[in-house]
Amino acid sequence: MTFFWILWAFDAIIALIIFYFFFIGLADGTVSSFNAGLWFFILAAVGVIMIGSYWLQTHQYGLWAKVLLSVLAIPGALYGLFILLILITNPRWN
């Protein structure tokens, strides 16, 4: 049960970051009718993951809820480790 809430909180942080970039894109005009379909798919997928995992957890499908949360948590954690590695090693890109 605790692992589910840890995963859910981590995914909620990732979802907030995605929504932040969406609203910033709306403000500066980079989210337009050209890529609105892609943004709709991304936001819908995040919503399905967050709400679907909670629904699965409340209906006694804890393992499947954790698997669904891992769909967003694993790439998010790997990207976070990549950014941390860049900050620590300070590589030369040329």
PDB file of N, CA and C in Angstrom:
ATOM      1  N   MET A   1       0.825  -1.195   0.000  1.00  0.00           N
ATOM      2  CA  MET A   1       0.000   0.000   0.000  1.00  0.00           C
ATOM      3  C   MET A   1       0.862   1.248   0.000  1.00  0.00           C
ATOM      4  N   THR A   2       1.934   1.240   0.787  1.00  0.00           N
ATOM      5  CA  THR A   2       2.810   2.407   0.859  1.00  0.00           C
ATOM      6  C   THR A   2       3.541   2.615  -0.457  1.00  0.00           C
ATOM      7  N   PHE A   3       3.979   1.530  -1.095  1.00  0.00           N
ATOM      8  CA  PHE A   3       4.673   1.645  -2.374  1.00  0.00           C
ATOM      9  C   PHE A   3       3.768   2.259  -3.437  1.00  0.00           C
ATOM     10  N   PHE A   4       2.480   1.926  -3.398  1.00  0.00           N
ATOM     11  CA  PHE A   4       1.530   2.522  -4.332  1.00  0.00           C
ATOM     12  C   PHE A   4       1.494   4.032  -4.161  1.00  0.00           C
ATOM     13  N   TRP A   5       1.417   4.516  -2.938  1.00  0.00           N
ATOM     14  CA  TRP A   5       1.327   5.956  -2.714  1.00  0.00           C
ATOM     15  C   TRP A   5       2.627   6.675  -3.046  1.00  0.00           C
ATOM     16  N   ILE A   6       3.756   6.009  -2.868  1.00  0.00           N
ATOM     17  CA  ILE A   6       5.029   6.601  -3.277  1.00  0.00           C
ATOM     18  C   ILE A   6       5.060   6.752  -4.800  1.00  0.00           C
ATOM     19  N   LEU A   7       4.680   5.686  -5.508  1.00  0.00           N
ATOM     20  CA  LEU A   7       4.611   5.760  -6.968  1.00  0.00           C
ATOM     21  C   LEU A   7       3.597   6.803  -7.423  1.00  0.00           C
ATOM     22  N   TRP A   8       2.457   6.861  -6.762  1.00  0.00           N
ATOM     23  CA  TRP A   8       1.411   7.797  -7.152  1.00  0.00           C
ATOM     24  C   TRP A   8       1.874   9.241  -6.942  1.00  0.00           C
ATOM     25  N   ALA A   9       2.569   9.511  -5.843  1.00  0.00           N
ATOM     26  CA  ALA A   9       3.082  10.862  -5.589  1.00  0.00           C
ATOM     27  C   ALA A   9       4.147  11.235  -6.617  1.00  0.00           C
ATOM     28  N   PHE A  10       5.021  10.289  -6.955  1.00  0.00           N
ATOM     29  CA  PHE A  10       6.041  10.554  -7.969  1.00  0.00           C
ATOM     30  C   PHE A  10       5.402  10.837  -9.322  1.00  0.00           C
ATOM     31  N   ASP A  11       4.383  10.065  -9.687  1.00  0.00           N
ATOM     32  CA  ASP A  11       3.672  10.305 -10.938  1.00  0.00           C
ATOM     33  C   ASP A  11       2.901  11.621 -10.903  1.00  0.00           C
ATOM     34  N   ALA A  12       2.396  12.003  -9.741  1.00  0.00           N
ATOM     35  CA  ALA A  12       1.697  13.282  -9.625  1.00  0.00           C
ATOM     36  C   ALA A  12       2.661  14.442  -9.870  1.00  0.00           C
ATOM     37  N   ILE A  13       3.888  14.316  -9.398  1.00  0.00           N
ATOM     38  CA  ILE A  13       4.899  15.357  -9.662  1.00  0.00           C
ATOM     39  C   ILE A  13       5.202  15.424 -11.148  1.00  0.00           C
ATOM     40  N   ILE A  14       5.340  14.275 -11.789  1.00  0.00           N
ATOM     41  CA  ILE A  14       5.582  14.243 -13.231  1.00  0.00           C
ATOM     42  C   ILE A  14       4.395  14.851 -13.972  1.00  0.00           C
ATOM     43  N   ALA A  15       3.175  14.548 -13.537  1.00  0.00           N
ATOM     44  CA  ALA A  15       1.983  15.110 -14.175  1.00  0.00           C
ATOM     45  C   ALA A  15       1.951  16.634 -14.014  1.00  0.00           C
ATOM     46  N   LEU A  16       2.331  17.131 -12.856  1.00  0.00           N
ATOM     47  CA  LEU A  16       2.376  18.582 -12.668  1.00  0.00           C
ATOM     48  C   LEU A  16       3.394  19.235 -13.593  1.00  0.00           C
ATOM     49  N   ILE A  17       4.518  18.589 -13.812  1.00  0.00           N
ATOM     50  CA  ILE A  17       5.518  19.122 -14.736  1.00  0.00           C
ATOM     51  C   ILE A  17       4.965  19.151 -16.159  1.00  0.00           C
ATOM     52  N   ILE A  18       4.274  18.096 -16.556  1.00  0.00           N
ATOM     53  CA  ILE A  18       3.683  18.048 -17.895  1.00  0.00           C
ATOM     54  C   ILE A  18       2.635  19.154 -18.054  1.00  0.00           C
ATOM     55  N   PHE A  19       1.778  19.316 -17.053  1.00  0.00           N
ATOM     56  CA  PHE A  19       0.774  20.378 -17.125  1.00  0.00           C
ATOM     57  C   PHE A  19       1.417  21.755 -17.120  1.00  0.00           C
ATOM     58  N   TYR A  20       2.520  21.928 -16.405  1.00  0.00           N
ATOM     59  CA  TYR A  20       3.235  23.195 -16.403  1.00  0.00           C
ATOM     60  C   TYR A  20       3.723  23.543 -17.812  1.00  0.00           C
ATOM     61  N   PHE A  21       4.358  22.572 -18.483  1.00  0.00           N
ATOM     62  CA  PHE A  21       4.826  22.824 -19.836  1.00  0.00           C
ATOM     63  C   PHE A  21       3.668  23.076 -20.793  1.00  0.00           C
ATOM     64  N   PHE A  22       2.532  22.416 -20.571  1.00  0.00           N
ATOM     65  CA  PHE A  22       1.369  22.654 -21.414  1.00  0.00           C
ATOM     66  C   PHE A  22       0.869  24.091 -21.272  1.00  0.00           C
ATOM     67  N   PHE A  23       0.735  24.566 -20.051  1.00  0.00           N
ATOM     68  CA  PHE A  23       0.229  25.918 -19.848  1.00  0.00           C
ATOM     69  C   PHE A  23       1.235  26.983 -20.273  1.00  0.00           C
ATOM     70  N   ILE A  24       2.521  26.723 -20.103  1.00  0.00           N
ATOM     71  CA  ILE A  24       3.538  27.640 -20.613  1.00  0.00           C
ATOM     72  C   ILE A  24       3.463  27.686 -22.142  1.00  0.00           C
ATOM     73  N   GLY A  25       3.262  26.538 -22.759  1.00  0.00           N
ATOM     74  CA  GLY A  25       3.116  26.486 -24.208  1.00  0.00           C
ATOM     75  C   GLY A  25       1.876  27.212 -24.689  1.00  0.00           C
ATOM     76  N   LEU A  26       0.798  27.153 -23.943  1.00  0.00           N
ATOM     77  CA  LEU A  26      -0.392  27.926 -24.298  1.00  0.00           C
ATOM     78  C   LEU A  26      -0.115  29.427 -24.215  1.00  0.00           C
ATOM     79  N   ALA A  27       0.643  29.825 -23.205  1.00  0.00           N
ATOM     80  CA  ALA A  27       0.920  31.243 -23.008  1.00  0.00           C
ATOM     81  C   ALA A  27       1.818  31.813 -24.103  1.00  0.00           C
ATOM     82  N   ASP A  28       2.826  31.050 -24.528  1.00  0.00           N
ATOM     83  CA  ASP A  28       3.742  31.600 -25.522  1.00  0.00           C
ATOM     84  C   ASP A  28       3.404  31.198 -26.955  1.00  0.00           C
ATOM     85  N   GLY A  29       2.364  30.426 -27.145  1.00  0.00           N
ATOM     86  CA  GLY A  29       1.892  30.117 -28.487  1.00  0.00           C
ATOM     87  C   GLY A  29       2.486  28.870 -29.117  1.00  0.00           C
ATOM     88  N   THR A  30       3.321  28.129 -28.408  1.00  0.00           N
ATOM     89  CA  THR A  30       3.888  26.919 -29.000  1.00  0.00           C
ATOM     90  C   THR A  30       2.901  25.751 -28.994  1.00  0.00           C
ATOM     91  N   VAL A  31       1.901  25.800 -28.135  1.00  0.00           N
ATOM     92  CA  VAL A  31       0.810  24.831 -28.202  1.00  0.00           C
ATOM     93  C   VAL A  31      -0.259  25.455 -29.075  1.00  0.00           C
ATOM     94  N   SER A  32      -0.400  24.920 -30.288  1.00  0.00           N
ATOM     95  CA  SER A  32      -1.324  25.494 -31.258  1.00  0.00           C
ATOM     96  C   SER A  32      -2.190  24.387 -31.839  1.00  0.00           C
ATOM     97  N   SER A  33      -2.977  24.737 -32.836  1.00  0.00           N
ATOM     98  CA  SER A  33      -3.834  23.737 -33.459  1.00  0.00           C
ATOM     99  C   SER A  33      -3.007  22.686 -34.204  1.00  0.00           C
ATOM    100  N   PHE A  34      -1.776  23.031 -34.570  1.00  0.00           N
ATOM    101  CA  PHE A  34      -0.912  22.092 -35.276  1.00  0.00           C
ATOM    102  C   PHE A  34      -0.556  20.887 -34.400  1.00  0.00           C
ATOM    103  N   ASN A  35      -0.263  21.125 -33.127  1.00  0.00           N
ATOM    104  CA  ASN A  35       0.133  20.028 -32.243  1.00  0.00           C
ATOM    105  C   ASN A  35      -0.856  19.803 -31.109  1.00  0.00           C
ATOM    106  N   ALA A  36      -2.077  20.288 -31.256  1.00  0.00           N
ATOM    107  CA  ALA A  36      -3.085  20.116 -30.210  1.00  0.00           C
ATOM    108  C   ALA A  36      -3.459  18.646 -30.014  1.00  0.00           C
ATOM    109  N   GLY A  37      -3.479  17.896 -31.087  1.00  0.00           N
ATOM    110  CA  GLY A  37      -3.795  16.471 -30.979  1.00  0.00           C
ATOM    111  C   GLY A  37      -2.765  15.713 -30.167  1.00  0.00           C
ATOM    112  N   LEU A  38      -1.506  16.039 -30.375  1.00  0.00           N
ATOM    113  CA  LEU A  38      -0.442  15.396 -29.605  1.00  0.00           C
ATOM    114  C   LEU A  38      -0.540  15.759 -28.128  1.00  0.00           C
ATOM    115  N   TRP A  39      -0.784  17.036 -27.852  1.00  0.00           N
ATOM    116  CA  TRP A  39      -0.940  17.456 -26.459  1.00  0.00           C
ATOM    117  C   TRP A  39      -2.166  16.811 -25.822  1.00  0.00           C
ATOM    118  N   PHE A  40      -3.244  16.691 -26.579  1.00  0.00           N
ATOM    119  CA  PHE A  40      -4.436  16.035 -26.037  1.00  0.00           C
ATOM    120  C   PHE A  40      -4.123  14.591 -25.669  1.00  0.00           C
ATOM    121  N   PHE A  41      -3.385  13.884 -26.528  1.00  0.00           N
ATOM    122  CA  PHE A  41      -3.027  12.498 -26.243  1.00  0.00           C
ATOM    123  C   PHE A  41      -2.142  12.400 -25.002  1.00  0.00           C
ATOM    124  N   ILE A  42      -1.170  13.283 -24.878  1.00  0.00           N
ATOM    125  CA  ILE A  42      -0.262  13.256 -23.723  1.00  0.00           C
ATOM    126  C   ILE A  42      -1.037  13.513 -22.435  1.00  0.00           C
ATOM    127  N   LEU A  43      -1.874  14.553 -22.424  1.00  0.00           N
ATOM    128  CA  LEU A  43      -2.630  14.893 -21.220  1.00  0.00           C
ATOM    129  C   LEU A  43      -3.653  13.810 -20.881  1.00  0.00           C
ATOM    130  N   ALA A  44      -4.274  13.221 -21.908  1.00  0.00           N
ATOM    131  CA  ALA A  44      -5.234  12.141 -21.663  1.00  0.00           C
ATOM    132  C   ALA A  44      -4.531  10.907 -21.099  1.00  0.00           C
ATOM    133  N   ALA A  45      -3.347  10.594 -21.611  1.00  0.00           N
ATOM    134  CA  ALA A  45      -2.604   9.430 -21.111  1.00  0.00           C
ATOM    135  C   ALA A  45      -2.205   9.626 -19.653  1.00  0.00           C
ATOM    136  N   VAL A  46      -1.763  10.823 -19.310  1.00  0.00           N
ATOM    137  CA  VAL A  46      -1.400  11.101 -17.914  1.00  0.00           C
ATOM    138  C   VAL A  46      -2.633  10.991 -17.023  1.00  0.00           C
ATOM    139  N   GLY A  47      -3.755  11.503 -17.487  1.00  0.00           N
ATOM    140  CA  GLY A  47      -4.992  11.405 -16.712  1.00  0.00           C
ATOM    141  C   GLY A  47      -5.448   9.975 -16.532  1.00  0.00           C
ATOM    142  N   VAL A  48      -5.348   9.178 -17.582  1.00  0.00           N
ATOM    143  CA  VAL A  48      -5.735   7.763 -17.489  1.00  0.00           C
ATOM    144  C   VAL A  48      -4.832   7.030 -16.511  1.00  0.00           C
ATOM    145  N   ILE A  49      -3.541   7.321 -16.541  1.00  0.00           N
ATOM    146  CA  ILE A  49      -2.613   6.660 -15.629  1.00  0.00           C
ATOM    147  C   ILE A  49      -2.925   7.024 -14.182  1.00  0.00           C
ATOM    148  N   MET A  50      -3.135   8.306 -13.916  1.00  0.00           N
ATOM    149  CA  MET A  50      -3.370   8.743 -12.542  1.00  0.00           C
ATOM    150  C   MET A  50      -4.729   8.247 -12.017  1.00  0.00           C
ATOM    151  N   ILE A  51      -5.770   8.488 -12.774  1.00  0.00           N
ATOM    152  CA  ILE A  51      -7.115   8.101 -12.318  1.00  0.00           C
ATOM    153  C   ILE A  51      -7.298   6.583 -12.387  1.00  0.00           C
ATOM    154  N   GLY A  52      -6.784   5.965 -13.452  1.00  0.00           N
ATOM    155  CA  GLY A  52      -6.918   4.515 -13.599  1.00  0.00           C
ATOM    156  C   GLY A  52      -6.201   3.740 -12.511  1.00  0.00           C
ATOM    157  N   SER A  53      -5.020   4.209 -12.134  1.00  0.00           N
ATOM    158  CA  SER A  53      -4.298   3.501 -11.073  1.00  0.00           C
ATOM    159  C   SER A  53      -5.011   3.640  -9.731  1.00  0.00           C
ATOM    160  N   TYR A  54      -5.565   4.814  -9.475  1.00  0.00           N
ATOM    161  CA  TYR A  54      -6.321   4.992  -8.234  1.00  0.00           C
ATOM    162  C   TYR A  54      -7.564   4.099  -8.238  1.00  0.00           C
ATOM    163  N   TRP A  55      -8.241   4.027  -9.374  1.00  0.00           N
ATOM    164  CA  TRP A  55      -9.424   3.181  -9.476  1.00  0.00           C
ATOM    165  C   TRP A  55      -9.049   1.713  -9.262  1.00  0.00           C
ATOM    166  N   LEU A  56      -7.956   1.279  -9.876  1.00  0.00           N
ATOM    167  CA  LEU A  56      -7.516  -0.102  -9.695  1.00  0.00           C
ATOM    168  C   LEU A  56      -7.167  -0.388  -8.240  1.00  0.00           C
ATOM    169  N   GLN A  57      -6.523   0.562  -7.570  1.00  0.00           N
ATOM    170  CA  GLN A  57      -6.150   0.369  -6.165  1.00  0.00           C
ATOM    171  C   GLN A  57      -7.388   0.254  -5.276  1.00  0.00           C
ATOM    172  N   THR A  58      -8.390   1.086  -5.537  1.00  0.00           N
ATOM    173  CA  THR A  58      -9.594   1.042  -4.704  1.00  0.00           C
ATOM    174  C   THR A  58     -10.445  -0.194  -4.967  1.00  0.00           C
ATOM    175  N   HIS A  59     -10.252  -0.833  -6.121  1.00  0.00           N
ATOM    176  CA  HIS A  59     -11.000  -2.051  -6.434  1.00  0.00           C
ATOM    177  C   HIS A  59     -10.164  -3.318  -6.242  1.00  0.00           C
ATOM    178  N   GLN A  60      -9.159  -3.252  -5.373  1.00  0.00           N
ATOM    179  CA  GLN A  60      -8.350  -4.402  -4.948  1.00  0.00           C
ATOM    180  C   GLN A  60      -7.513  -5.020  -6.058  1.00  0.00           C
ATOM    181  N   TYR A  61      -7.067  -4.199  -7.013  1.00  0.00           N
ATOM    182  CA  TYR A  61      -6.133  -4.641  -8.035  1.00  0.00           C
ATOM    183  C   TYR A  61      -4.807  -3.895  -7.848  1.00  0.00           C
ATOM    184  N   GLY A  62      -4.210  -4.086  -6.680  1.00  0.00           N
ATOM    185  CA  GLY A  62      -3.022  -3.333  -6.307  1.00  0.00           C
ATOM    186  C   GLY A  62      -1.833  -3.562  -7.228  1.00  0.00           C
ATOM    187  N   LEU A  63      -1.628  -4.793  -7.653  1.00  0.00           N
ATOM    188  CA  LEU A  63      -0.492  -5.087  -8.523  1.00  0.00           C
ATOM    189  C   LEU A  63      -0.642  -4.374  -9.867  1.00  0.00           C
ATOM    190  N   TRP A  64      -1.843  -4.417 -10.436  1.00  0.00           N
ATOM    191  CA  TRP A  64      -2.059  -3.759 -11.725  1.00  0.00           C
ATOM    192  C   TRP A  64      -1.995  -2.242 -11.605  1.00  0.00           C
ATOM    193  N   ALA A  65      -2.378  -1.725 -10.457  1.00  0.00           N
ATOM    194  CA  ALA A  65      -2.258  -0.286 -10.228  1.00  0.00           C
ATOM    195  C   ALA A  65      -0.794   0.132 -10.215  1.00  0.00           C
ATOM    196  N   LYS A  66       0.049  -0.663  -9.581  1.00  0.00           N
ATOM    197  CA  LYS A  66       1.483  -0.356  -9.539  1.00  0.00           C
ATOM    198  C   LYS A  66       2.122  -0.512 -10.916  1.00  0.00           C
ATOM    199  N   VAL A  67       1.677  -1.488 -11.681  1.00  0.00           N
ATOM    200  CA  VAL A  67       2.193  -1.658 -13.040  1.00  0.00           C
ATOM    201  C   VAL A  67       1.813  -0.455 -13.897  1.00  0.00           C
ATOM    202  N   LEU A  68       0.581   0.008 -13.769  1.00  0.00           N
ATOM    203  CA  LEU A  68       0.137   1.174 -14.527  1.00  0.00           C
ATOM    204  C   LEU A  68       0.910   2.426 -14.121  1.00  0.00           C
ATOM    205  N   LEU A  69       1.160   2.598 -12.841  1.00  0.00           N
ATOM    206  CA  LEU A  69       1.942   3.748 -12.387  1.00  0.00           C
ATOM    207  C   LEU A  69       3.387   3.656 -12.865  1.00  0.00           C
ATOM    208  N   SER A  70       3.899   2.460 -13.006  1.00  0.00           N
ATOM    209  CA  SER A  70       5.280   2.295 -13.457  1.00  0.00           C
ATOM    210  C   SER A  70       5.472   2.728 -14.904  1.00  0.00           C
ATOM    211  N   VAL A  71       4.398   2.734 -15.692  1.00  0.00           N
ATOM    212  CA  VAL A  71       4.483   3.185 -17.078  1.00  0.00           C
ATOM    213  C   VAL A  71       4.974   4.630 -17.146  1.00  0.00           C
ATOM    214  N   LEU A  72       4.605   5.441 -16.198  1.00  0.00           N
ATOM    215  CA  LEU A  72       5.052   6.832 -16.154  1.00  0.00           C
ATOM    216  C   LEU A  72       6.238   7.024 -15.226  1.00  0.00           C
ATOM    217  N   ALA A  73       6.329   6.240 -14.176  1.00  0.00           N
ATOM    218  CA  ALA A  73       7.378   6.437 -13.171  1.00  0.00           C
ATOM    219  C   ALA A  73       8.756   6.006 -13.655  1.00  0.00           C
ATOM    220  N   ILE A  74       8.845   4.926 -14.383  1.00  0.00           N
ATOM    221  CA  ILE A  74      10.158   4.434 -14.816  1.00  0.00           C
ATOM    222  C   ILE A  74      10.834   5.399 -15.790  1.00  0.00           C
ATOM    223  N   PRO A  75      10.162   5.847 -16.864  1.00  0.00           N
ATOM    224  CA  PRO A  75      10.822   6.839 -17.730  1.00  0.00           C
ATOM    225  C   PRO A  75      11.104   8.153 -17.008  1.00  0.00           C
ATOM    226  N   GLY A  76      10.233   8.559 -16.106  1.00  0.00           N
ATOM    227  CA  GLY A  76      10.471   9.782 -15.346  1.00  0.00           C
ATOM    228  C   GLY A  76      11.685   9.675 -14.445  1.00  0.00           C
ATOM    229  N   ALA A  77      11.844   8.526 -13.803  1.00  0.00           N
ATOM    230  CA  ALA A  77      13.012   8.312 -12.935  1.00  0.00           C
ATOM    231  C   ALA A  77      14.300   8.240 -13.754  1.00  0.00           C
ATOM    232  N   LEU A  78      14.240   7.579 -14.902  1.00  0.00           N
ATOM    233  CA  LEU A  78      15.431   7.505 -15.751  1.00  0.00           C
ATOM    234  C   LEU A  78      15.829   8.884 -16.273  1.00  0.00           C
ATOM    235  N   TYR A  79      14.857   9.690 -16.649  1.00  0.00           N
ATOM    236  CA  TYR A  79      15.167  11.050 -17.100  1.00  0.00           C
ATOM    237  C   TYR A  79      15.724  11.887 -15.953  1.00  0.00           C
ATOM    238  N   GLY A  80      15.174  11.727 -14.764  1.00  0.00           N
ATOM    239  CA  GLY A  80      15.699  12.440 -13.603  1.00  0.00           C
ATOM    240  C   GLY A  80      17.133  12.049 -13.301  1.00  0.00           C
ATOM    241  N   LEU A  81      17.455  10.757 -13.410  1.00  0.00           N
ATOM    242  CA  LEU A  81      18.832  10.307 -13.216  1.00  0.00           C
ATOM    243  C   LEU A  81      19.762  10.852 -14.293  1.00  0.00           C
ATOM    244  N   PHE A  82      19.274  10.945 -15.525  1.00  0.00           N
ATOM    245  CA  PHE A  82      20.063  11.511 -16.611  1.00  0.00           C
ATOM    246  C   PHE A  82      20.393  12.977 -16.337  1.00  0.00           C
ATOM    247  N   ILE A  83      19.405  13.751 -15.909  1.00  0.00           N
ATOM    248  CA  ILE A  83      19.639  15.162 -15.601  1.00  0.00           C
ATOM    249  C   ILE A  83      20.591  15.287 -14.411  1.00  0.00           C
ATOM    250  N   LEU A  84      20.426  14.449 -13.408  1.00  0.00           N
ATOM    251  CA  LEU A  84      21.339  14.471 -12.261  1.00  0.00           C
ATOM    252  C   LEU A  84      22.768  14.137 -12.684  1.00  0.00           C
ATOM    253  N   LEU A  85      22.925  13.170 -13.575  1.00  0.00           N
ATOM    254  CA  LEU A  85      24.239  12.809 -14.084  1.00  0.00           C
ATOM    255  C   LEU A  85      24.875  13.967 -14.840  1.00  0.00           C
ATOM    256  N   ILE A  86      24.087  14.685 -15.623  1.00  0.00           N
ATOM    257  CA  ILE A  86      24.593  15.848 -16.350  1.00  0.00           C
ATOM    258  C   ILE A  86      25.027  16.935 -15.372  1.00  0.00           C
ATOM    259  N   LEU A  87      24.247  17.153 -14.332  1.00  0.00           N
ATOM    260  CA  LEU A  87      24.606  18.188 -13.365  1.00  0.00           C
ATOM    261  C   LEU A  87      25.862  17.827 -12.575  1.00  0.00           C
ATOM    262  N   ILE A  88      26.034  16.561 -12.272  1.00  0.00           N
ATOM    263  CA  ILE A  88      27.186  16.136 -11.470  1.00  0.00           C
ATOM    264  C   ILE A  88      28.466  16.098 -12.302  1.00  0.00           C
ATOM    265  N   THR A  89      28.406  15.522 -13.503  1.00  0.00           N
ATOM    266  CA  THR A  89      29.624  15.326 -14.296  1.00  0.00           C
ATOM    267  C   THR A  89      30.019  16.550 -15.110  1.00  0.00           C
ATOM    268  N   ASN A  90      29.069  17.442 -15.425  1.00  0.00           N
ATOM    269  CA  ASN A  90      29.330  18.645 -16.213  1.00  0.00           C
ATOM    270  C   ASN A  90      30.089  18.302 -17.505  1.00  0.00           C
ATOM    271  N   PRO A  91      29.461  17.534 -18.393  1.00  0.00           N
ATOM    272  CA  PRO A  91      30.179  17.055 -19.599  1.00  0.00           C
ATOM    273  C   PRO A  91      30.398  18.166 -20.613  1.00  0.00           C
ATOM    274  N   ARG A  92      31.379  17.960 -21.480  1.00  0.00           N
ATOM    275  CA  ARG A  92      31.612  18.853 -22.611  1.00  0.00           C
ATOM    276  C   ARG A  92      30.897  18.260 -23.825  1.00  0.00           C
ATOM    277  N   TRP A  93      30.037  19.015 -24.462  1.00  0.00           N
ATOM    278  CA  TRP A  93      29.210  18.512 -25.533  1.00  0.00           C
ATOM    279  C   TRP A  93      29.823  18.731 -26.918  1.00  0.00           C
ATOM    280  N   ASN A  94      31.028  19.296 -27.008  1.00  0.00           N
ATOM    281  CA  ASN A  94      31.619  19.539 -28.324  1.00  0.00           C
ATOM    282  C   ASN A  94      32.574  18.439 -28.731  1.00  0.00           C
TER     283      ASN A  94
END
